[in-house]
Amino acid sequence: MQEIQPKNGSLKLNQVKVGQSVRVSHVLGEGALRQRILDMGLTRGAEVTVRKMAPLGDPLEVTVRGYQLSLRKAEAACILVE
């Protein structure tokens, strides 16, 4: 996977600290992975709160659109937030 640097003011979801709430600004990736992320409700403008993170950072649990979702670190790295 190609490493893409976030734009000014943006972070990747896997860089957000536990307890912070952010808004999705862009979903990176291609094909099935990108579509899966979008299907889970992580679309532009969705508010996401990071609830828990495993000791090694993988997986992390977020709240989006009123439900809890576990994401792998690699999946969270494809989601840019503000």
C-alpha atoms as a PDB file:
ATOM      1  CA  MET A   1       0.000   0.000   0.000  1.00  0.00           C
ATOM      2  CA  GLN A   2       1.326   3.434  -0.919  1.00  0.00           C
ATOM      3  CA  GLU A   3       1.956   5.777   2.021  1.00  0.00           C
ATOM      4  CA  ILE A   4      -0.123   8.955   1.637  1.00  0.00           C
ATOM      5  CA  GLN A   5       0.535  11.963   3.844  1.00  0.00           C
ATOM      6  CA  PRO A   6      -2.526  13.721   5.265  1.00  0.00           C
ATOM      7  CA  LYS A   7      -3.222  17.327   4.285  1.00  0.00           C
ATOM      8  CA  ASN A   8      -2.666  20.184   6.719  1.00  0.00           C
ATOM      9  CA  GLY A   9      -4.964  19.873   9.724  1.00  0.00           C
ATOM     10  CA  SER A  10      -5.825  16.256   8.934  1.00  0.00           C
ATOM     11  CA  LEU A  11      -4.857  13.128  10.815  1.00  0.00           C
ATOM     12  CA  LYS A  12      -5.301   9.474  10.061  1.00  0.00           C
ATOM     13  CA  LEU A  13      -7.878   7.809  12.312  1.00  0.00           C
ATOM     14  CA  ASN A  14      -5.213   5.521  13.784  1.00  0.00           C
ATOM     15  CA  GLN A  15      -3.396   8.651  15.103  1.00  0.00           C
ATOM     16  CA  VAL A  16      -6.359   9.962  17.105  1.00  0.00           C
ATOM     17  CA  LYS A  17      -6.174   9.584  20.893  1.00  0.00           C
ATOM     18  CA  VAL A  18      -8.721   7.683  22.980  1.00  0.00           C
ATOM     19  CA  GLY A  19     -11.643   9.923  23.951  1.00  0.00           C
ATOM     20  CA  GLN A  20     -11.264  12.341  21.019  1.00  0.00           C
ATOM     21  CA  SER A  21     -14.091  13.002  18.580  1.00  0.00           C
ATOM     22  CA  VAL A  22     -13.273  13.814  14.965  1.00  0.00           C
ATOM     23  CA  ARG A  23     -15.006  14.119  11.603  1.00  0.00           C
ATOM     24  CA  VAL A  24     -14.168  12.010   8.544  1.00  0.00           C
ATOM     25  CA  SER A  25     -12.760  14.192   5.777  1.00  0.00           C
ATOM     26  CA  HIS A  26     -11.685  11.576   3.226  1.00  0.00           C
ATOM     27  CA  VAL A  27     -11.428   7.801   2.757  1.00  0.00           C
ATOM     28  CA  LEU A  28      -8.290   6.598   1.002  1.00  0.00           C
ATOM     29  CA  GLY A  29      -7.731   3.251  -0.655  1.00  0.00           C
ATOM     30  CA  GLU A  30      -9.186   1.425  -3.593  1.00  0.00           C
ATOM     31  CA  GLY A  31     -11.549  -1.383  -4.389  1.00  0.00           C
ATOM     32  CA  ALA A  32     -13.024  -3.684  -1.786  1.00  0.00           C
ATOM     33  CA  LEU A  33     -11.255  -2.163   1.240  1.00  0.00           C
ATOM     34  CA  ARG A  34     -12.485   1.365   0.482  1.00  0.00           C
ATOM     35  CA  GLN A  35     -16.010   0.112  -0.228  1.00  0.00           C
ATOM     36  CA  ARG A  36     -16.055  -1.881   3.024  1.00  0.00           C
ATOM     37  CA  ILE A  37     -15.047   1.202   5.026  1.00  0.00           C
ATOM     38  CA  LEU A  38     -17.766   3.275   3.352  1.00  0.00           C
ATOM     39  CA  ASP A  39     -20.355   0.525   3.917  1.00  0.00           C
ATOM     40  CA  MET A  40     -19.580   0.613   7.656  1.00  0.00           C
ATOM     41  CA  GLY A  41     -20.762   4.243   7.743  1.00  0.00           C
ATOM     42  CA  LEU A  42     -17.364   5.927   7.715  1.00  0.00           C
ATOM     43  CA  THR A  43     -18.267   8.441   5.038  1.00  0.00           C
ATOM     44  CA  ARG A  44     -17.260  12.099   4.642  1.00  0.00           C
ATOM     45  CA  GLY A  45     -18.706  14.195   7.454  1.00  0.00           C
ATOM     46  CA  ALA A  46     -19.442  11.308   9.826  1.00  0.00           C
ATOM     47  CA  GLU A  47     -18.503  12.015  13.450  1.00  0.00           C
ATOM     48  CA  VAL A  48     -16.245   9.367  14.984  1.00  0.00           C
ATOM     49  CA  THR A  49     -15.224   8.967  18.640  1.00  0.00           C
ATOM     50  CA  VAL A  50     -12.277   6.745  19.524  1.00  0.00           C
ATOM     51  CA  ARG A  51     -13.435   4.711  22.544  1.00  0.00           C
ATOM     52  CA  LYS A  52     -10.719   2.116  23.154  1.00  0.00           C
ATOM     53  CA  MET A  53      -7.398   1.006  21.758  1.00  0.00           C
ATOM     54  CA  ALA A  54      -5.695  -2.343  22.326  1.00  0.00           C
ATOM     55  CA  PRO A  55      -2.309  -2.191  24.094  1.00  0.00           C
ATOM     56  CA  LEU A  56      -0.418  -2.517  20.816  1.00  0.00           C
ATOM     57  CA  GLY A  57      -2.866  -0.216  18.984  1.00  0.00           C
ATOM     58  CA  ASP A  58      -4.568  -2.950  16.997  1.00  0.00           C
ATOM     59  CA  PRO A  59      -7.576  -3.092  16.893  1.00  0.00           C
ATOM     60  CA  LEU A  60      -9.221   0.133  17.955  1.00  0.00           C
ATOM     61  CA  GLU A  61     -12.868   0.621  18.860  1.00  0.00           C
ATOM     62  CA  VAL A  62     -14.776   3.658  17.616  1.00  0.00           C
ATOM     63  CA  THR A  63     -18.327   4.922  17.831  1.00  0.00           C
ATOM     64  CA  VAL A  64     -19.824   6.036  14.530  1.00  0.00           C
ATOM     65  CA  ARG A  65     -23.483   6.750  13.745  1.00  0.00           C
ATOM     66  CA  GLY A  66     -24.551   5.405  17.150  1.00  0.00           C
ATOM     67  CA  TYR A  67     -22.842   2.024  17.089  1.00  0.00           C
ATOM     68  CA  GLN A  68     -19.479   0.594  18.136  1.00  0.00           C
ATOM     69  CA  LEU A  69     -17.091  -0.587  15.463  1.00  0.00           C
ATOM     70  CA  SER A  70     -13.712  -2.314  15.714  1.00  0.00           C
ATOM     71  CA  LEU A  71     -11.133  -1.451  13.068  1.00  0.00           C
ATOM     72  CA  ARG A  72      -7.705  -2.788  12.305  1.00  0.00           C
ATOM     73  CA  LYS A  73      -4.866  -0.292  12.450  1.00  0.00           C
ATOM     74  CA  ALA A  74      -4.357  -0.613   8.669  1.00  0.00           C
ATOM     75  CA  GLU A  75      -8.042   0.138   8.009  1.00  0.00           C
ATOM     76  CA  ALA A  76      -7.985   3.173  10.322  1.00  0.00           C
ATOM     77  CA  ALA A  77      -4.913   4.473   8.488  1.00  0.00           C
ATOM     78  CA  CYS A  78      -7.042   4.773   5.317  1.00  0.00           C
ATOM     79  CA  ILE A  79      -9.421   7.250   6.990  1.00  0.00           C
ATOM     80  CA  LEU A  80      -8.440  10.921   7.123  1.00  0.00           C
ATOM     81  CA  VAL A  81     -10.116  12.981   9.867  1.00  0.00           C
ATOM     82  CA  GLU A  82     -10.194  16.565  11.091  1.00  0.00           C
END
